[in-house]
Amino acid sequence: MRRLRPSLACRSPTTGNRAIVLPDITGSYEELLRQQADQLAGLKIRAGNPSLRTIEKRAQELFAAEGVSLAPSTLSGLFNGSYASRSRLQV
């Protein structure tokens, strides 16, 4: 499995705003899921390693108007790299 290059923050030469340079995203669908899971796990740790229930509750607060929910089972799939999105089901 290919390891991710760390994301780098840099300044845009035209606007001076900070931008995030994303890692190379070439690879199979399964590799991309693994890369996404690695990135989400890093974000979760930087956010204080909240439980899946805590993330679910926070998502409900943030997206109450849209009626969106993130069930712990969906979150678990995202964090372990096994989540199959709608796009995968349509292929």
PDB file of N, CA and C in Angstrom:
ATOM      1  N   MET A   1       0.836  -1.175   0.000  1.00  0.00           N
ATOM      2  CA  MET A   1       0.000   0.000   0.000  1.00  0.00           C
ATOM      3  C   MET A   1       0.888   1.247   0.000  1.00  0.00           C
ATOM      4  N   ARG A   2       0.514   2.212  -0.816  1.00  0.00           N
ATOM      5  CA  ARG A   2       1.255   3.450  -0.938  1.00  0.00           C
ATOM      6  C   ARG A   2       0.958   4.364   0.243  1.00  0.00           C
ATOM      7  N   ARG A   3       1.979   4.969   0.803  1.00  0.00           N
ATOM      8  CA  ARG A   3       1.815   5.880   1.935  1.00  0.00           C
ATOM      9  C   ARG A   3       1.520   7.282   1.420  1.00  0.00           C
ATOM     10  N   LEU A   4       0.733   8.017   2.182  1.00  0.00           N
ATOM     11  CA  LEU A   4       0.397   9.385   1.824  1.00  0.00           C
ATOM     12  C   LEU A   4       1.550  10.331   2.073  1.00  0.00           C
ATOM     13  N   ARG A   5       1.671  11.286   1.191  1.00  0.00           N
ATOM     14  CA  ARG A   5       2.581  12.384   1.483  1.00  0.00           C
ATOM     15  C   ARG A   5       1.835  13.347   2.378  1.00  0.00           C
ATOM     16  N   PRO A   6       2.505  13.933   3.379  1.00  0.00           N
ATOM     17  CA  PRO A   6       1.790  14.860   4.245  1.00  0.00           C
ATOM     18  C   PRO A   6       1.291  16.065   3.458  1.00  0.00           C
ATOM     19  N   SER A   7       0.106  16.554   3.820  1.00  0.00           N
ATOM     20  CA  SER A   7      -0.412  17.764   3.199  1.00  0.00           C
ATOM     21  C   SER A   7       0.443  18.934   3.632  1.00  0.00           C
ATOM     22  N   LEU A   8       0.616  19.868   2.724  1.00  0.00           N
ATOM     23  CA  LEU A   8       1.443  21.035   3.008  1.00  0.00           C
ATOM     24  C   LEU A   8       0.599  22.287   2.885  1.00  0.00           C
ATOM     25  N   ALA A   9       0.750  23.198   3.834  1.00  0.00           N
ATOM     26  CA  ALA A   9       0.060  24.477   3.753  1.00  0.00           C
ATOM     27  C   ALA A   9       0.997  25.455   3.077  1.00  0.00           C
ATOM     28  N   CYS A  10       0.469  26.254   2.175  1.00  0.00           N
ATOM     29  CA  CYS A  10       1.281  27.241   1.484  1.00  0.00           C
ATOM     30  C   CYS A  10       0.436  28.472   1.206  1.00  0.00           C
ATOM     31  N   ARG A  11       1.068  29.545   0.796  1.00  0.00           N
ATOM     32  CA  ARG A  11       0.361  30.776   0.458  1.00  0.00           C
ATOM     33  C   ARG A  11       0.194  30.871  -1.054  1.00  0.00           C
ATOM     34  N   SER A  12      -0.997  31.286  -1.467  1.00  0.00           N
ATOM     35  CA  SER A  12      -1.255  31.486  -2.885  1.00  0.00           C
ATOM     36  C   SER A  12      -0.488  32.710  -3.360  1.00  0.00           C
ATOM     37  N   PRO A  13       0.219  32.601  -4.478  1.00  0.00           N
ATOM     38  CA  PRO A  13       0.979  33.752  -4.957  1.00  0.00           C
ATOM     39  C   PRO A  13       0.078  34.898  -5.415  1.00  0.00           C
ATOM     40  N   THR A  14      -1.159  34.602  -5.814  1.00  0.00           N
ATOM     41  CA  THR A  14      -2.036  35.656  -6.318  1.00  0.00           C
ATOM     42  C   THR A  14      -2.856  36.318  -5.218  1.00  0.00           C
ATOM     43  N   THR A  15      -3.362  35.547  -4.268  1.00  0.00           N
ATOM     44  CA  THR A  15      -4.225  36.121  -3.230  1.00  0.00           C
ATOM     45  C   THR A  15      -3.541  36.239  -1.880  1.00  0.00           C
ATOM     46  N   GLY A  16      -2.469  35.495  -1.665  1.00  0.00           N
ATOM     47  CA  GLY A  16      -1.816  35.487  -0.360  1.00  0.00           C
ATOM     48  C   GLY A  16      -2.528  34.617   0.665  1.00  0.00           C
ATOM     49  N   ASN A  17      -3.648  34.015   0.273  1.00  0.00           N
ATOM     50  CA  ASN A  17      -4.394  33.153   1.188  1.00  0.00           C
ATOM     51  C   ASN A  17      -3.691  31.815   1.345  1.00  0.00           C
ATOM     52  N   ARG A  18      -3.892  31.210   2.500  1.00  0.00           N
ATOM     53  CA  ARG A  18      -3.342  29.870   2.711  1.00  0.00           C
ATOM     54  C   ARG A  18      -4.142  28.866   1.920  1.00  0.00           C
ATOM     55  N   ALA A  19      -3.467  27.894   1.386  1.00  0.00           N
ATOM     56  CA  ALA A  19      -4.111  26.825   0.633  1.00  0.00           C
ATOM     57  C   ALA A  19      -3.528  25.504   1.098  1.00  0.00           C
ATOM     58  N   ILE A  20      -4.283  24.460   0.947  1.00  0.00           N
ATOM     59  CA  ILE A  20      -3.796  23.134   1.304  1.00  0.00           C
ATOM     60  C   ILE A  20      -3.463  22.396   0.017  1.00  0.00           C
ATOM     61  N   VAL A  21      -2.265  21.883  -0.036  1.00  0.00           N
ATOM     62  CA  VAL A  21      -1.852  21.079  -1.177  1.00  0.00           C
ATOM     63  C   VAL A  21      -2.254  19.646  -0.871  1.00  0.00           C
ATOM     64  N   LEU A  22      -3.121  19.107  -1.688  1.00  0.00           N
ATOM     65  CA  LEU A  22      -3.626  17.764  -1.441  1.00  0.00           C
ATOM     66  C   LEU A  22      -2.642  16.714  -1.939  1.00  0.00           C
ATOM     67  N   PRO A  23      -2.635  15.559  -1.297  1.00  0.00           N
ATOM     68  CA  PRO A  23      -1.747  14.492  -1.756  1.00  0.00           C
ATOM     69  C   PRO A  23      -2.183  13.963  -3.114  1.00  0.00           C
ATOM     70  N   ASP A  24      -1.297  13.272  -3.779  1.00  0.00           N
ATOM     71  CA  ASP A  24      -1.593  12.627  -5.047  1.00  0.00           C
ATOM     72  C   ASP A  24      -2.731  11.644  -4.833  1.00  0.00           C
ATOM     73  N   ILE A  25      -3.779  11.732  -5.651  1.00  0.00           N
ATOM     74  CA  ILE A  25      -4.939  10.873  -5.433  1.00  0.00           C
ATOM     75  C   ILE A  25      -5.123   9.847  -6.548  1.00  0.00           C
ATOM     76  N   THR A  26      -4.061   9.500  -7.218  1.00  0.00           N
ATOM     77  CA  THR A  26      -4.174   8.468  -8.244  1.00  0.00           C
ATOM     78  C   THR A  26      -4.145   7.101  -7.573  1.00  0.00           C
ATOM     79  N   GLY A  27      -4.838   6.171  -8.139  1.00  0.00           N
ATOM     80  CA  GLY A  27      -4.834   4.818  -7.597  1.00  0.00           C
ATOM     81  C   GLY A  27      -6.197   4.180  -7.727  1.00  0.00           C
ATOM     82  N   SER A  28      -6.298   2.953  -7.257  1.00  0.00           N
ATOM     83  CA  SER A  28      -7.559   2.234  -7.338  1.00  0.00           C
ATOM     84  C   SER A  28      -8.554   2.812  -6.340  1.00  0.00           C
ATOM     85  N   TYR A  29      -9.802   2.451  -6.543  1.00  0.00           N
ATOM     86  CA  TYR A  29     -10.858   2.913  -5.637  1.00  0.00           C
ATOM     87  C   TYR A  29     -10.553   2.510  -4.197  1.00  0.00           C
ATOM     88  N   GLU A  30     -10.092   1.288  -4.000  1.00  0.00           N
ATOM     89  CA  GLU A  30      -9.787   0.804  -2.657  1.00  0.00           C
ATOM     90  C   GLU A  30      -8.635   1.600  -2.040  1.00  0.00           C
ATOM     91  N   GLU A  31      -7.619   1.945  -2.853  1.00  0.00           N
ATOM     92  CA  GLU A  31      -6.506   2.766  -2.347  1.00  0.00           C
ATOM     93  C   GLU A  31      -6.996   4.145  -1.942  1.00  0.00           C
ATOM     94  N   LEU A  32      -7.907   4.705  -2.745  1.00  0.00           N
ATOM     95  CA  LEU A  32      -8.452   6.019  -2.414  1.00  0.00           C
ATOM     96  C   LEU A  32      -9.258   5.983  -1.129  1.00  0.00           C
ATOM     97  N   LEU A  33     -10.022   4.908  -0.917  1.00  0.00           N
ATOM     98  CA  LEU A  33     -10.755   4.764   0.346  1.00  0.00           C
ATOM     99  C   LEU A  33      -9.787   4.698   1.528  1.00  0.00           C
ATOM    100  N   ARG A  34      -8.701   3.972   1.366  1.00  0.00           N
ATOM    101  CA  ARG A  34      -7.698   3.849   2.428  1.00  0.00           C
ATOM    102  C   ARG A  34      -7.051   5.199   2.699  1.00  0.00           C
ATOM    103  N   GLN A  35      -6.734   5.950   1.641  1.00  0.00           N
ATOM    104  CA  GLN A  35      -6.155   7.273   1.823  1.00  0.00           C
ATOM    105  C   GLN A  35      -7.128   8.198   2.561  1.00  0.00           C
ATOM    106  N   GLN A  36      -8.399   8.132   2.158  1.00  0.00           N
ATOM    107  CA  GLN A  36      -9.410   8.943   2.824  1.00  0.00           C
ATOM    108  C   GLN A  36      -9.510   8.567   4.299  1.00  0.00           C
ATOM    109  N   ALA A  37      -9.500   7.277   4.585  1.00  0.00           N
ATOM    110  CA  ALA A  37      -9.582   6.812   5.967  1.00  0.00           C
ATOM    111  C   ALA A  37      -8.383   7.303   6.774  1.00  0.00           C
ATOM    112  N   ASP A  38      -7.189   7.256   6.181  1.00  0.00           N
ATOM    113  CA  ASP A  38      -5.992   7.745   6.871  1.00  0.00           C
ATOM    114  C   ASP A  38      -6.109   9.231   7.188  1.00  0.00           C
ATOM    115  N   GLN A  39      -6.596  10.000   6.214  1.00  0.00           N
ATOM    116  CA  GLN A  39      -6.744  11.438   6.427  1.00  0.00           C
ATOM    117  C   GLN A  39      -7.800  11.741   7.486  1.00  0.00           C
ATOM    118  N   LEU A  40      -8.913  11.009   7.442  1.00  0.00           N
ATOM    119  CA  LEU A  40      -9.962  11.217   8.445  1.00  0.00           C
ATOM    120  C   LEU A  40      -9.484  10.832   9.841  1.00  0.00           C
ATOM    121  N   ALA A  41      -8.714   9.768   9.932  1.00  0.00           N
ATOM    122  CA  ALA A  41      -8.185   9.355  11.236  1.00  0.00           C
ATOM    123  C   ALA A  41      -7.256  10.431  11.799  1.00  0.00           C
ATOM    124  N   GLY A  42      -6.426  11.025  10.943  1.00  0.00           N
ATOM    125  CA  GLY A  42      -5.562  12.112  11.387  1.00  0.00           C
ATOM    126  C   GLY A  42      -6.362  13.317  11.851  1.00  0.00           C
ATOM    127  N   LEU A  43      -7.413  13.651  11.120  1.00  0.00           N
ATOM    128  CA  LEU A  43      -8.277  14.765  11.507  1.00  0.00           C
ATOM    129  C   LEU A  43      -8.964  14.476  12.837  1.00  0.00           C
ATOM    130  N   LYS A  44      -9.424  13.254  13.012  1.00  0.00           N
ATOM    131  CA  LYS A  44     -10.098  12.861  14.254  1.00  0.00           C
ATOM    132  C   LYS A  44      -9.157  13.010  15.447  1.00  0.00           C
ATOM    133  N   ILE A  45      -7.923  12.606  15.276  1.00  0.00           N
ATOM    134  CA  ILE A  45      -6.936  12.730  16.358  1.00  0.00           C
ATOM    135  C   ILE A  45      -6.673  14.193  16.666  1.00  0.00           C
ATOM    136  N   ARG A  46      -6.505  15.023  15.611  1.00  0.00           N
ATOM    137  CA  ARG A  46      -6.269  16.461  15.824  1.00  0.00           C
ATOM    138  C   ARG A  46      -7.454  17.132  16.505  1.00  0.00           C
ATOM    139  N   ALA A  47      -8.652  16.571  16.340  1.00  0.00           N
ATOM    140  CA  ALA A  47      -9.857  17.132  16.953  1.00  0.00           C
ATOM    141  C   ALA A  47     -10.081  16.607  18.374  1.00  0.00           C
ATOM    142  N   GLY A  48      -9.131  15.879  18.923  1.00  0.00           N
ATOM    143  CA  GLY A  48      -9.252  15.380  20.290  1.00  0.00           C
ATOM    144  C   GLY A  48      -9.767  13.969  20.394  1.00  0.00           C
ATOM    145  N   ASN A  49      -9.810  13.235  19.286  1.00  0.00           N
ATOM    146  CA  ASN A  49     -10.232  11.840  19.233  1.00  0.00           C
ATOM    147  C   ASN A  49     -11.643  11.619  19.814  1.00  0.00           C
ATOM    148  N   PRO A  50     -12.644  12.372  19.297  1.00  0.00           N
ATOM    149  CA  PRO A  50     -14.005  12.192  19.806  1.00  0.00           C
ATOM    150  C   PRO A  50     -14.566  10.830  19.420  1.00  0.00           C
ATOM    151  N   SER A  51     -15.528  10.359  20.192  1.00  0.00           N
ATOM    152  CA  SER A  51     -16.180   9.084  19.880  1.00  0.00           C
ATOM    153  C   SER A  51     -17.055   9.260  18.636  1.00  0.00           C
ATOM    154  N   LEU A  52     -17.424   8.142  18.026  1.00  0.00           N
ATOM    155  CA  LEU A  52     -18.293   8.197  16.854  1.00  0.00           C
ATOM    156  C   LEU A  52     -19.649   8.793  17.208  1.00  0.00           C
ATOM    157  N   ARG A  53     -20.142   8.526  18.409  1.00  0.00           N
ATOM    158  CA  ARG A  53     -21.413   9.111  18.877  1.00  0.00           C
ATOM    159  C   ARG A  53     -21.295  10.627  18.993  1.00  0.00           C
ATOM    160  N   THR A  54     -20.147  11.115  19.480  1.00  0.00           N
ATOM    161  CA  THR A  54     -19.927  12.556  19.591  1.00  0.00           C
ATOM    162  C   THR A  54     -19.904  13.198  18.211  1.00  0.00           C
ATOM    163  N   ILE A  55     -19.249  12.556  17.258  1.00  0.00           N
ATOM    164  CA  ILE A  55     -19.212  13.068  15.883  1.00  0.00           C
ATOM    165  C   ILE A  55     -20.625  13.078  15.300  1.00  0.00           C
ATOM    166  N   GLU A  56     -21.377  12.018  15.549  1.00  0.00           N
ATOM    167  CA  GLU A  56     -22.756  11.932  15.055  1.00  0.00           C
ATOM    168  C   GLU A  56     -23.589  13.095  15.597  1.00  0.00           C
ATOM    169  N   LYS A  57     -23.492  13.355  16.896  1.00  0.00           N
ATOM    170  CA  LYS A  57     -24.263  14.446  17.515  1.00  0.00           C
ATOM    171  C   LYS A  57     -23.847  15.805  16.967  1.00  0.00           C
ATOM    172  N   ARG A  58     -22.546  16.000  16.778  1.00  0.00           N
ATOM    173  CA  ARG A  58     -22.051  17.273  16.237  1.00  0.00           C
ATOM    174  C   ARG A  58     -22.536  17.469  14.803  1.00  0.00           C
ATOM    175  N   ALA A  59     -22.542  16.419  14.004  1.00  0.00           N
ATOM    176  CA  ALA A  59     -23.034  16.510  12.629  1.00  0.00           C
ATOM    177  C   ALA A  59     -24.519  16.852  12.612  1.00  0.00           C
ATOM    178  N   GLN A  60     -25.288  16.291  13.542  1.00  0.00           N
ATOM    179  CA  GLN A  60     -26.711  16.611  13.628  1.00  0.00           C
ATOM    180  C   GLN A  60     -26.913  18.088  13.927  1.00  0.00           C
ATOM    181  N   GLU A  61     -26.076  18.643  14.818  1.00  0.00           N
ATOM    182  CA  GLU A  61     -26.164  20.067  15.137  1.00  0.00           C
ATOM    183  C   GLU A  61     -25.804  20.918  13.922  1.00  0.00           C
ATOM    184  N   LEU A  62     -24.713  20.559  13.253  1.00  0.00           N
ATOM    185  CA  LEU A  62     -24.229  21.356  12.133  1.00  0.00           C
ATOM    186  C   LEU A  62     -25.155  21.314  10.922  1.00  0.00           C
ATOM    187  N   PHE A  63     -25.781  20.166  10.679  1.00  0.00           N
ATOM    188  CA  PHE A  63     -26.578  19.982   9.475  1.00  0.00           C
ATOM    189  C   PHE A  63     -28.058  19.764   9.774  1.00  0.00           C
ATOM    190  N   ALA A  64     -28.543  20.342  10.878  1.00  0.00           N
ATOM    191  CA  ALA A  64     -29.941  20.166  11.275  1.00  0.00           C
ATOM    192  C   ALA A  64     -30.897  20.650  10.187  1.00  0.00           C
ATOM    193  N   ALA A  65     -30.598  21.778   9.563  1.00  0.00           N
ATOM    194  CA  ALA A  65     -31.488  22.335   8.540  1.00  0.00           C
ATOM    195  C   ALA A  65     -31.602  21.421   7.322  1.00  0.00           C
ATOM    196  N   GLU A  66     -30.532  20.703   7.013  1.00  0.00           N
ATOM    197  CA  GLU A  66     -30.546  19.811   5.856  1.00  0.00           C
ATOM    198  C   GLU A  66     -31.127  18.436   6.180  1.00  0.00           C
ATOM    199  N   GLY A  67     -31.292  18.134   7.454  1.00  0.00           N
ATOM    200  CA  GLY A  67     -31.808  16.837   7.851  1.00  0.00           C
ATOM    201  C   GLY A  67     -30.847  15.692   7.585  1.00  0.00           C
ATOM    202  N   VAL A  68     -29.549  15.997   7.580  1.00  0.00           N
ATOM    203  CA  VAL A  68     -28.524  15.002   7.295  1.00  0.00           C
ATOM    204  C   VAL A  68     -28.083  14.332   8.593  1.00  0.00           C
ATOM    205  N   SER A  69     -27.821  13.041   8.525  1.00  0.00           N
ATOM    206  CA  SER A  69     -27.291  12.344   9.693  1.00  0.00           C
ATOM    207  C   SER A  69     -26.095  11.492   9.281  1.00  0.00           C
ATOM    208  N   LEU A  70     -25.219  11.247  10.234  1.00  0.00           N
ATOM    209  CA  LEU A  70     -24.074  10.367  10.031  1.00  0.00           C
ATOM    210  C   LEU A  70     -24.128   9.301  11.116  1.00  0.00           C
ATOM    211  N   ALA A  71     -24.646   8.155  10.773  1.00  0.00           N
ATOM    212  CA  ALA A  71     -24.759   7.067  11.743  1.00  0.00           C
ATOM    213  C   ALA A  71     -23.368   6.570  12.126  1.00  0.00           C
ATOM    214  N   PRO A  72     -23.200   6.109  13.369  1.00  0.00           N
ATOM    215  CA  PRO A  72     -21.899   5.563  13.781  1.00  0.00           C
ATOM    216  C   PRO A  72     -21.400   4.460  12.862  1.00  0.00           C
ATOM    217  N   SER A  73     -22.295   3.656  12.306  1.00  0.00           N
ATOM    218  CA  SER A  73     -21.847   2.591  11.391  1.00  0.00           C
ATOM    219  C   SER A  73     -21.251   3.178  10.110  1.00  0.00           C
ATOM    220  N   THR A  74     -21.845   4.263   9.609  1.00  0.00           N
ATOM    221  CA  THR A  74     -21.293   4.941   8.438  1.00  0.00           C
ATOM    222  C   THR A  74     -19.945   5.551   8.764  1.00  0.00           C
ATOM    223  N   LEU A  75     -19.854   6.210   9.914  1.00  0.00           N
ATOM    224  CA  LEU A  75     -18.594   6.817  10.342  1.00  0.00           C
ATOM    225  C   LEU A  75     -17.508   5.760  10.496  1.00  0.00           C
ATOM    226  N   SER A  76     -17.860   4.628  11.083  1.00  0.00           N
ATOM    227  CA  SER A  76     -16.895   3.547  11.257  1.00  0.00           C
ATOM    228  C   SER A  76     -16.354   3.093   9.903  1.00  0.00           C
ATOM    229  N   GLY A  77     -17.246   2.934   8.925  1.00  0.00           N
ATOM    230  CA  GLY A  77     -16.816   2.550   7.589  1.00  0.00           C
ATOM    231  C   GLY A  77     -15.895   3.585   6.965  1.00  0.00           C
ATOM    232  N   LEU A  78     -16.197   4.861   7.183  1.00  0.00           N
ATOM    233  CA  LEU A  78     -15.336   5.921   6.664  1.00  0.00           C
ATOM    234  C   LEU A  78     -13.950   5.859   7.291  1.00  0.00           C
ATOM    235  N   PHE A  79     -13.898   5.651   8.604  1.00  0.00           N
ATOM    236  CA  PHE A  79     -12.620   5.646   9.313  1.00  0.00           C
ATOM    237  C   PHE A  79     -11.800   4.383   9.077  1.00  0.00           C
ATOM    238  N   ASN A  80     -12.443   3.280   8.684  1.00  0.00           N
ATOM    239  CA  ASN A  80     -11.646   2.064   8.450  1.00  0.00           C
ATOM    240  C   ASN A  80     -11.432   1.768   6.967  1.00  0.00           C
ATOM    241  N   GLY A  81     -11.926   2.650   6.095  1.00  0.00           N
ATOM    242  CA  GLY A  81     -11.653   2.504   4.674  1.00  0.00           C
ATOM    243  C   GLY A  81     -12.552   1.547   3.929  1.00  0.00           C
ATOM    244  N   SER A  82     -13.671   1.163   4.518  1.00  0.00           N
ATOM    245  CA  SER A  82     -14.552   0.215   3.841  1.00  0.00           C
ATOM    246  C   SER A  82     -15.862   0.841   3.384  1.00  0.00           C
ATOM    247  N   TYR A  83     -15.998   2.143   3.508  1.00  0.00           N
ATOM    248  CA  TYR A  83     -17.237   2.809   3.135  1.00  0.00           C
ATOM    249  C   TYR A  83     -17.418   2.803   1.624  1.00  0.00           C
ATOM    250  N   ALA A  84     -18.568   2.346   1.167  1.00  0.00           N
ATOM    251  CA  ALA A  84     -18.903   2.357  -0.256  1.00  0.00           C
ATOM    252  C   ALA A  84     -19.932   3.459  -0.487  1.00  0.00           C
ATOM    253  N   SER A  85     -19.535   4.486  -1.190  1.00  0.00           N
ATOM    254  CA  SER A  85     -20.425   5.614  -1.441  1.00  0.00           C
ATOM    255  C   SER A  85     -21.417   5.286  -2.542  1.00  0.00           C
ATOM    256  N   ARG A  86     -22.348   6.185  -2.767  1.00  0.00           N
ATOM    257  CA  ARG A  86     -23.308   5.996  -3.836  1.00  0.00           C
ATOM    258  C   ARG A  86     -22.625   5.858  -5.194  1.00  0.00           C
ATOM    259  N   SER A  87     -21.544   6.611  -5.386  1.00  0.00           N
ATOM    260  CA  SER A  87     -20.850   6.537  -6.671  1.00  0.00           C
ATOM    261  C   SER A  87     -20.307   5.130  -6.910  1.00  0.00           C
ATOM    262  N   ARG A  88     -19.858   4.470  -5.864  1.00  0.00           N
ATOM    263  CA  ARG A  88     -19.349   3.114  -5.993  1.00  0.00           C
ATOM    264  C   ARG A  88     -20.480   2.159  -6.359  1.00  0.00           C
ATOM    265  N   LEU A  89     -21.652   2.371  -5.792  1.00  0.00           N
ATOM    266  CA  LEU A  89     -22.783   1.499  -6.066  1.00  0.00           C
ATOM    267  C   LEU A  89     -23.323   1.690  -7.475  1.00  0.00           C
ATOM    268  N   GLN A  90     -23.085   2.871  -8.073  1.00  0.00           N
ATOM    269  CA  GLN A  90     -23.571   3.155  -9.407  1.00  0.00           C
ATOM    270  C   GLN A  90     -22.649   2.619 -10.489  1.00  0.00           C
ATOM    271  N   VAL A  91     -21.429   2.254 -10.145  1.00  0.00           N
ATOM    272  CA  VAL A  91     -20.457   1.792 -11.148  1.00  0.00           C
ATOM    273  C   VAL A  91     -20.821   0.434 -11.696  1.00  0.00           C
TER     274      VAL A  91
END
